[in-house]
Amino acid sequence: MKVVFITGPYRDKSEWQVELNIRAAEALALEVWKLGAAAHCPHKNTSRFGGAQPDKVWLDGDLEIMRRCDAVVCTADWRRSEGATAEVATARGLGIPVFESVEGLAQWLKCPA
């Protein structure tokens, strides 16, 4: 089973917008699971942990998990996030396939490895 990292905005101007960002990533993660891959959604993994450790702990941990994934898929608005942009750049630098749509990911998952 392939493991797919979800990237997209988390932090935002308001708690409500953060919640909407989490929901968008969560919905994308569900689509990945429906395609037969395992999704890692950092938005859900460390949501509401803010203040328990410096943010760098969560961000570094997310990058380490991403390095171990087979692919990355982006939420529709990922480009507005510095963190997601950095994750995409890191993934591409490591040769990890990055998909900007679930349809592209679905095609890739259908191809024999």
N, C-alpha and C. Protein backbone atom coordinates (compact mmCIF):
# COMPACT_ATOMS: atom_id res chain seq x y z
N MET A 1 0.84 -1.19 0.00
CA MET A 1 0.00 0.00 0.00
C MET A 1 0.89 1.24 0.00
N LYS A 2 0.58 2.17 -0.90
CA LYS A 2 1.31 3.43 -0.96
C LYS A 2 0.87 4.34 0.18
N VAL A 3 1.80 5.16 0.65
CA VAL A 3 1.52 6.14 1.71
C VAL A 3 1.65 7.53 1.10
N VAL A 4 0.61 8.33 1.28
CA VAL A 4 0.53 9.65 0.65
C VAL A 4 0.41 10.73 1.72
N PHE A 5 1.27 11.72 1.62
CA PHE A 5 1.31 12.86 2.54
C PHE A 5 0.39 13.96 2.01
N ILE A 6 -0.45 14.49 2.87
CA ILE A 6 -1.35 15.59 2.51
C ILE A 6 -0.67 16.91 2.88
N THR A 7 -0.60 17.85 1.94
CA THR A 7 -0.05 19.17 2.25
C THR A 7 -1.04 20.25 1.87
N GLY A 8 -1.04 21.30 2.65
CA GLY A 8 -1.90 22.45 2.43
C GLY A 8 -1.82 23.37 3.63
N PRO A 9 -2.46 24.52 3.57
CA PRO A 9 -2.38 25.47 4.68
C PRO A 9 -2.92 24.89 5.98
N TYR A 10 -2.31 25.27 7.08
CA TYR A 10 -2.82 24.97 8.41
C TYR A 10 -3.08 26.28 9.14
N ARG A 11 -2.02 27.02 9.45
CA ARG A 11 -2.16 28.28 10.18
C ARG A 11 -2.94 29.30 9.34
N ASP A 12 -3.61 30.23 10.04
CA ASP A 12 -4.36 31.25 9.31
C ASP A 12 -4.70 32.41 10.24
N LYS A 13 -5.51 33.34 9.72
CA LYS A 13 -5.84 34.57 10.44
C LYS A 13 -6.75 34.34 11.64
N SER A 14 -7.58 33.32 11.59
CA SER A 14 -8.53 33.08 12.68
C SER A 14 -8.61 31.59 12.98
N GLU A 15 -9.12 31.28 14.16
CA GLU A 15 -9.32 29.88 14.54
C GLU A 15 -10.30 29.20 13.57
N TRP A 16 -11.31 29.95 13.12
CA TRP A 16 -12.27 29.38 12.18
C TRP A 16 -11.59 29.00 10.88
N GLN A 17 -10.72 29.86 10.38
CA GLN A 17 -10.02 29.55 9.13
C GLN A 17 -9.09 28.35 9.31
N VAL A 18 -8.45 28.25 10.48
CA VAL A 18 -7.63 27.07 10.77
C VAL A 18 -8.50 25.82 10.70
N GLU A 19 -9.68 25.89 11.30
CA GLU A 19 -10.61 24.76 11.26
C GLU A 19 -10.98 24.39 9.83
N LEU A 20 -11.24 25.39 9.00
CA LEU A 20 -11.56 25.12 7.59
C LEU A 20 -10.38 24.49 6.86
N ASN A 21 -9.17 24.92 7.19
CA ASN A 21 -7.97 24.33 6.58
C ASN A 21 -7.84 22.86 6.97
N ILE A 22 -8.11 22.57 8.24
CA ILE A 22 -8.05 21.18 8.72
C ILE A 22 -9.10 20.34 8.00
N ARG A 23 -10.29 20.87 7.87
CA ARG A 23 -11.37 20.13 7.20
C ARG A 23 -11.05 19.85 5.73
N ALA A 24 -10.44 20.82 5.06
CA ALA A 24 -10.08 20.61 3.65
C ALA A 24 -9.04 19.50 3.52
N ALA A 25 -8.05 19.50 4.40
CA ALA A 25 -7.02 18.46 4.37
C ALA A 25 -7.61 17.10 4.74
N GLU A 26 -8.49 17.10 5.71
CA GLU A 26 -9.16 15.88 6.14
C GLU A 26 -9.99 15.28 5.00
N ALA A 27 -10.72 16.12 4.28
CA ALA A 27 -11.53 15.64 3.14
C ALA A 27 -10.64 15.04 2.06
N LEU A 28 -9.50 15.68 1.80
CA LEU A 28 -8.57 15.16 0.81
C LEU A 28 -7.98 13.82 1.28
N ALA A 29 -7.68 13.72 2.56
CA ALA A 29 -7.15 12.46 3.10
C ALA A 29 -8.16 11.33 2.91
N LEU A 30 -9.42 11.62 3.12
CA LEU A 30 -10.45 10.59 2.92
C LEU A 30 -10.48 10.13 1.47
N GLU A 31 -10.34 11.06 0.54
CA GLU A 31 -10.31 10.69 -0.88
C GLU A 31 -9.12 9.78 -1.18
N VAL A 32 -7.98 10.07 -0.56
CA VAL A 32 -6.79 9.22 -0.74
C VAL A 32 -7.06 7.82 -0.22
N TRP A 33 -7.65 7.71 0.96
CA TRP A 33 -7.98 6.40 1.51
C TRP A 33 -8.93 5.65 0.57
N LYS A 34 -9.90 6.36 0.00
CA LYS A 34 -10.85 5.73 -0.92
C LYS A 34 -10.18 5.21 -2.18
N LEU A 35 -9.03 5.79 -2.53
CA LEU A 35 -8.27 5.32 -3.69
C LEU A 35 -7.43 4.08 -3.38
N GLY A 36 -7.39 3.67 -2.12
CA GLY A 36 -6.64 2.48 -1.74
C GLY A 36 -5.25 2.75 -1.22
N ALA A 37 -4.93 4.00 -0.96
CA ALA A 37 -3.63 4.36 -0.38
C ALA A 37 -3.86 4.82 1.06
N ALA A 38 -2.80 4.77 1.85
CA ALA A 38 -2.86 5.28 3.21
C ALA A 38 -2.49 6.76 3.18
N ALA A 39 -3.29 7.59 3.83
CA ALA A 39 -3.03 9.03 3.86
C ALA A 39 -2.46 9.43 5.21
N HIS A 40 -1.42 10.25 5.18
CA HIS A 40 -0.94 10.89 6.40
C HIS A 40 -1.35 12.36 6.32
N CYS A 41 -2.19 12.78 7.24
CA CYS A 41 -2.71 14.15 7.25
C CYS A 41 -2.15 14.88 8.47
N PRO A 42 -1.05 15.63 8.30
CA PRO A 42 -0.45 16.30 9.46
C PRO A 42 -1.40 17.29 10.13
N HIS A 43 -2.35 17.81 9.40
CA HIS A 43 -3.34 18.74 9.96
C HIS A 43 -4.10 18.06 11.11
N LYS A 44 -4.37 16.78 10.96
CA LYS A 44 -5.08 16.03 11.99
C LYS A 44 -4.13 15.43 13.01
N ASN A 45 -2.91 15.14 12.58
CA ASN A 45 -1.95 14.47 13.45
C ASN A 45 -1.57 15.33 14.65
N THR A 46 -1.36 16.62 14.43
CA THR A 46 -0.91 17.48 15.53
C THR A 46 -1.84 18.67 15.75
N SER A 47 -3.07 18.58 15.25
CA SER A 47 -4.00 19.71 15.45
C SER A 47 -4.23 19.92 16.94
N ARG A 48 -4.29 21.16 17.29
CA ARG A 48 -4.53 21.58 18.68
C ARG A 48 -3.36 21.29 19.62
N PHE A 49 -2.20 20.96 19.08
CA PHE A 49 -1.01 20.76 19.91
C PHE A 49 -0.28 22.08 20.16
N GLY A 50 -0.70 23.15 19.49
CA GLY A 50 -0.02 24.44 19.57
C GLY A 50 0.30 24.84 21.00
N GLY A 51 1.54 25.22 21.23
CA GLY A 51 1.98 25.66 22.55
C GLY A 51 2.58 24.55 23.41
N ALA A 52 2.31 23.30 23.09
CA ALA A 52 2.86 22.19 23.88
C ALA A 52 4.35 22.01 23.62
N GLN A 53 4.77 22.35 22.42
CA GLN A 53 6.17 22.33 21.99
C GLN A 53 6.33 23.49 21.01
N PRO A 54 7.56 23.91 20.75
CA PRO A 54 7.74 24.92 19.71
C PRO A 54 7.22 24.38 18.36
N ASP A 55 6.66 25.26 17.53
CA ASP A 55 6.13 24.84 16.23
C ASP A 55 7.15 24.07 15.41
N LYS A 56 8.42 24.40 15.56
CA LYS A 56 9.49 23.74 14.81
C LYS A 56 9.46 22.22 15.03
N VAL A 57 9.09 21.79 16.22
CA VAL A 57 9.01 20.35 16.52
C VAL A 57 8.01 19.68 15.58
N TRP A 58 6.82 20.28 15.45
CA TRP A 58 5.79 19.69 14.59
C TRP A 58 6.20 19.76 13.12
N LEU A 59 6.75 20.90 12.73
CA LEU A 59 7.13 21.08 11.32
C LEU A 59 8.25 20.13 10.92
N ASP A 60 9.26 19.99 11.78
CA ASP A 60 10.36 19.06 11.49
C ASP A 60 9.85 17.62 11.45
N GLY A 61 8.95 17.29 12.37
CA GLY A 61 8.38 15.94 12.39
C GLY A 61 7.58 15.65 11.13
N ASP A 62 6.80 16.64 10.69
CA ASP A 62 6.03 16.46 9.45
C ASP A 62 6.95 16.22 8.26
N LEU A 63 8.04 16.98 8.18
CA LEU A 63 8.99 16.79 7.07
C LEU A 63 9.62 15.40 7.11
N GLU A 64 9.92 14.93 8.31
CA GLU A 64 10.51 13.58 8.43
C GLU A 64 9.52 12.51 7.97
N ILE A 65 8.27 12.65 8.37
CA ILE A 65 7.25 11.70 7.93
C ILE A 65 7.09 11.78 6.41
N MET A 66 7.07 13.00 5.87
CA MET A 66 6.90 13.17 4.43
C MET A 66 8.02 12.48 3.65
N ARG A 67 9.24 12.56 4.17
CA ARG A 67 10.39 11.91 3.51
C ARG A 67 10.18 10.41 3.35
N ARG A 68 9.37 9.82 4.19
CA ARG A 68 9.14 8.38 4.18
C ARG A 68 7.90 7.99 3.35
N CYS A 69 7.22 8.98 2.80
CA CYS A 69 6.01 8.73 2.02
C CYS A 69 6.35 8.46 0.56
N ASP A 70 5.41 7.83 -0.12
CA ASP A 70 5.57 7.50 -1.54
C ASP A 70 5.18 8.65 -2.45
N ALA A 71 4.31 9.53 -1.96
CA ALA A 71 3.83 10.65 -2.78
C ALA A 71 3.28 11.73 -1.87
N VAL A 72 3.07 12.90 -2.46
CA VAL A 72 2.46 14.04 -1.77
C VAL A 72 1.29 14.50 -2.63
N VAL A 73 0.17 14.82 -1.99
CA VAL A 73 -0.96 15.42 -2.71
C VAL A 73 -1.33 16.72 -1.99
N CYS A 74 -1.66 17.73 -2.78
CA CYS A 74 -1.88 19.08 -2.27
C CYS A 74 -3.36 19.45 -2.23
N THR A 75 -3.74 20.20 -1.21
CA THR A 75 -5.07 20.80 -1.22
C THR A 75 -5.11 21.85 -2.33
N ALA A 76 -6.30 22.24 -2.74
CA ALA A 76 -6.45 23.18 -3.86
C ALA A 76 -5.75 24.51 -3.62
N ASP A 77 -5.67 24.93 -2.37
CA ASP A 77 -5.11 26.25 -2.05
C ASP A 77 -3.70 26.18 -1.46
N TRP A 78 -2.97 25.14 -1.73
CA TRP A 78 -1.67 24.92 -1.10
C TRP A 78 -0.68 26.05 -1.37
N ARG A 79 -0.78 26.69 -2.50
CA ARG A 79 0.21 27.72 -2.87
C ARG A 79 0.18 28.94 -1.95
N ARG A 80 -0.90 29.15 -1.21
CA ARG A 80 -0.96 30.30 -0.31
C ARG A 80 -0.26 30.03 1.03
N SER A 81 0.27 28.85 1.19
CA SER A 81 0.91 28.45 2.44
C SER A 81 2.43 28.33 2.27
N GLU A 82 3.16 29.07 3.10
CA GLU A 82 4.63 28.94 3.07
C GLU A 82 5.05 27.52 3.43
N GLY A 83 4.39 26.94 4.43
CA GLY A 83 4.74 25.59 4.86
C GLY A 83 4.50 24.56 3.78
N ALA A 84 3.34 24.62 3.13
CA ALA A 84 3.03 23.67 2.06
C ALA A 84 3.98 23.87 0.88
N THR A 85 4.30 25.12 0.58
CA THR A 85 5.24 25.40 -0.51
C THR A 85 6.60 24.79 -0.21
N ALA A 86 7.04 24.90 1.03
CA ALA A 86 8.32 24.30 1.43
C ALA A 86 8.25 22.78 1.38
N GLU A 87 7.13 22.21 1.80
CA GLU A 87 6.98 20.75 1.74
C GLU A 87 7.02 20.25 0.30
N VAL A 88 6.34 20.94 -0.59
CA VAL A 88 6.35 20.56 -2.01
C VAL A 88 7.77 20.65 -2.57
N ALA A 89 8.47 21.73 -2.26
CA ALA A 89 9.84 21.89 -2.75
C ALA A 89 10.75 20.79 -2.21
N THR A 90 10.59 20.45 -0.94
CA THR A 90 11.39 19.38 -0.34
C THR A 90 11.09 18.05 -1.01
N ALA A 91 9.80 17.76 -1.18
CA ALA A 91 9.41 16.49 -1.82
C ALA A 91 9.98 16.40 -3.23
N ARG A 92 9.84 17.46 -3.99
CA ARG A 92 10.36 17.44 -5.36
C ARG A 92 11.88 17.27 -5.36
N GLY A 93 12.55 17.92 -4.43
CA GLY A 93 14.00 17.78 -4.32
C GLY A 93 14.43 16.36 -3.99
N LEU A 94 13.58 15.64 -3.28
CA LEU A 94 13.87 14.25 -2.92
C LEU A 94 13.37 13.26 -3.97
N GLY A 95 12.73 13.76 -5.01
CA GLY A 95 12.21 12.88 -6.04
C GLY A 95 10.89 12.22 -5.69
N ILE A 96 10.21 12.73 -4.68
CA ILE A 96 8.90 12.20 -4.30
C ILE A 96 7.86 12.82 -5.22
N PRO A 97 7.03 12.02 -5.86
CA PRO A 97 6.00 12.58 -6.75
C PRO A 97 5.04 13.50 -5.98
N VAL A 98 4.74 14.64 -6.58
CA VAL A 98 3.81 15.61 -5.99
C VAL A 98 2.63 15.78 -6.95
N PHE A 99 1.43 15.70 -6.40
CA PHE A 99 0.22 15.82 -7.20
C PHE A 99 -0.61 16.99 -6.69
N GLU A 100 -1.06 17.81 -7.62
CA GLU A 100 -1.88 18.97 -7.27
C GLU A 100 -3.37 18.66 -7.38
N SER A 101 -3.69 17.41 -7.70
CA SER A 101 -5.09 16.99 -7.75
C SER A 101 -5.19 15.53 -7.37
N VAL A 102 -6.34 15.16 -6.84
CA VAL A 102 -6.56 13.76 -6.49
C VAL A 102 -6.66 12.91 -7.75
N GLU A 103 -7.09 13.53 -8.86
CA GLU A 103 -7.18 12.80 -10.13
C GLU A 103 -5.79 12.38 -10.61
N GLY A 104 -4.83 13.28 -10.50
CA GLY A 104 -3.45 12.94 -10.88
C GLY A 104 -2.89 11.83 -10.01
N LEU A 105 -3.17 11.92 -8.72
CA LEU A 105 -2.74 10.87 -7.80
C LEU A 105 -3.39 9.54 -8.17
N ALA A 106 -4.68 9.57 -8.48
CA ALA A 106 -5.40 8.34 -8.84
C ALA A 106 -4.76 7.67 -10.05
N GLN A 107 -4.40 8.46 -11.05
CA GLN A 107 -3.74 7.91 -12.24
C GLN A 107 -2.42 7.25 -11.86
N TRP A 108 -1.64 7.92 -11.04
CA TRP A 108 -0.34 7.40 -10.61
C TRP A 108 -0.51 6.10 -9.83
N LEU A 109 -1.51 6.05 -8.97
CA LEU A 109 -1.73 4.85 -8.16
C LEU A 109 -2.13 3.65 -9.02
N LYS A 110 -2.75 3.90 -10.17
CA LYS A 110 -3.17 2.81 -11.06
C LYS A 110 -2.01 2.22 -11.85
N CYS A 111 -0.93 2.98 -12.00
CA CYS A 111 0.22 2.51 -12.79
C CYS A 111 1.00 1.49 -11.99
N PRO A 112 1.38 0.36 -12.61
CA PRO A 112 2.19 -0.62 -11.89
C PRO A 112 3.57 -0.04 -11.57
N ALA A 113 4.03 -0.33 -10.38
CA ALA A 113 5.34 0.22 -9.94
C ALA A 113 6.48 -0.63 -10.40
